Protein backbone atom coordinates (compact mmCIF):
# COMPACT_ATOMS: atom_id res chain seq x y z
CA MET A 1 -14.09 -1.05 5.07
CA ALA A 2 -13.58 -0.18 1.40
CA LYS A 3 -12.10 -2.56 -1.17
CA PHE A 4 -9.53 -1.37 -3.76
CA ILE A 5 -8.73 -3.47 -6.82
CA CYS A 6 -6.17 -3.09 -9.62
CA GLY A 7 -5.87 -6.11 -11.90
CA ALA A 8 -5.18 -9.18 -9.74
CA ASN A 9 -4.22 -7.03 -6.72
CA MET A 10 -6.69 -6.18 -3.95
CA GLN A 11 -6.46 -4.26 -0.67
CA HIS A 12 -9.04 -3.52 2.04
CA VAL A 13 -8.76 -0.10 3.70
CA GLU A 14 -10.56 1.09 6.83
CA ARG A 15 -11.75 4.63 7.57
CA VAL A 16 -11.86 6.05 4.04
CA SER A 17 -15.16 7.90 4.45
CA GLY A 18 -14.69 11.52 3.37
CA ASP A 19 -11.38 10.90 1.57
CA ALA A 20 -10.99 11.51 -2.16
CA VAL A 21 -10.22 8.53 -4.40
CA GLY A 22 -7.02 10.27 -5.56
CA THR A 23 -5.72 10.52 -1.99
CA ILE A 24 -6.12 6.79 -1.36
CA MET A 25 -4.83 6.03 -4.86
CA GLU A 26 -1.55 7.78 -4.05
CA GLN A 27 -1.21 5.77 -0.82
CA LEU A 28 -1.82 2.44 -2.59
CA GLU A 29 0.07 3.20 -5.81
CA ASP A 30 3.00 0.86 -5.09
CA VAL A 31 1.03 -1.80 -3.19
CA LEU A 32 -1.50 -2.31 -5.99
CA ASN A 33 0.87 -1.46 -8.87
CA ILE A 34 -1.44 1.31 -10.13
CA PRO A 35 -0.20 2.81 -13.40
CA PRO A 36 -0.27 6.61 -13.90
CA THR A 37 -3.15 6.45 -16.40
CA VAL A 38 -6.15 4.47 -15.20
CA GLN A 39 -9.90 4.69 -15.27
CA ILE A 40 -11.47 4.64 -11.82
CA THR A 41 -14.79 3.06 -10.94
CA VAL A 42 -16.58 3.20 -7.60
CA ASN A 43 -19.34 0.62 -7.17
CA GLY A 44 -19.30 0.14 -10.94
CA ARG A 45 -19.63 3.84 -11.86
CA LEU A 46 -16.85 5.75 -13.63
CA VAL A 47 -15.54 8.56 -11.36
CA ARG A 48 -12.77 11.17 -11.18
CA LYS A 49 -9.96 11.34 -8.62
CA ASP A 50 -11.86 13.95 -6.58
CA HIS A 51 -14.78 11.55 -5.90
CA ILE A 52 -15.43 11.31 -2.13
CA LEU A 53 -15.48 7.78 -0.74
CA GLU A 54 -17.81 6.05 1.70
CA GLU A 55 -16.92 3.13 3.99
CA GLU A 56 -18.30 0.19 1.95
CA ASP A 57 -17.25 1.38 -1.51
CA VAL A 58 -15.61 -0.95 -4.02
CA VAL A 59 -13.01 0.96 -6.03
CA GLU A 60 -11.41 -0.48 -9.15
CA PHE A 61 -8.46 1.00 -11.02
CA ILE A 62 -8.75 -0.16 -14.64
CA LYS A 63 -5.65 -0.24 -16.81
CA PRO A 64 -6.11 0.79 -20.46
CA ALA A 65 -6.71 -2.18 -22.76
CA GLY A 66 -3.59 -3.79 -24.14
CA GLU A 67 -1.26 -2.22 -21.58
CA LYS A 68 1.09 -4.50 -19.67
CA GLY A 69 3.31 -3.77 -16.72
CA SER A 70 6.33 -1.59 -17.37
CA PHE A 71 9.97 -2.46 -16.84
């Protein structure tokens, strides 16, 4: 089971092995309140949206510094 984090929001997702980060990101966009421009890390390493996930990965969507939620 992989863990996805964006700010204070977190979601565990099963069966992500072989999926690209961008695919899961689109599915969790509303749930985790992921903004359109984020940096993505997997297990602490900066990656692109086409990075292929494994089951125990920890993915974090990092909002640019100084950016708050939009209205």
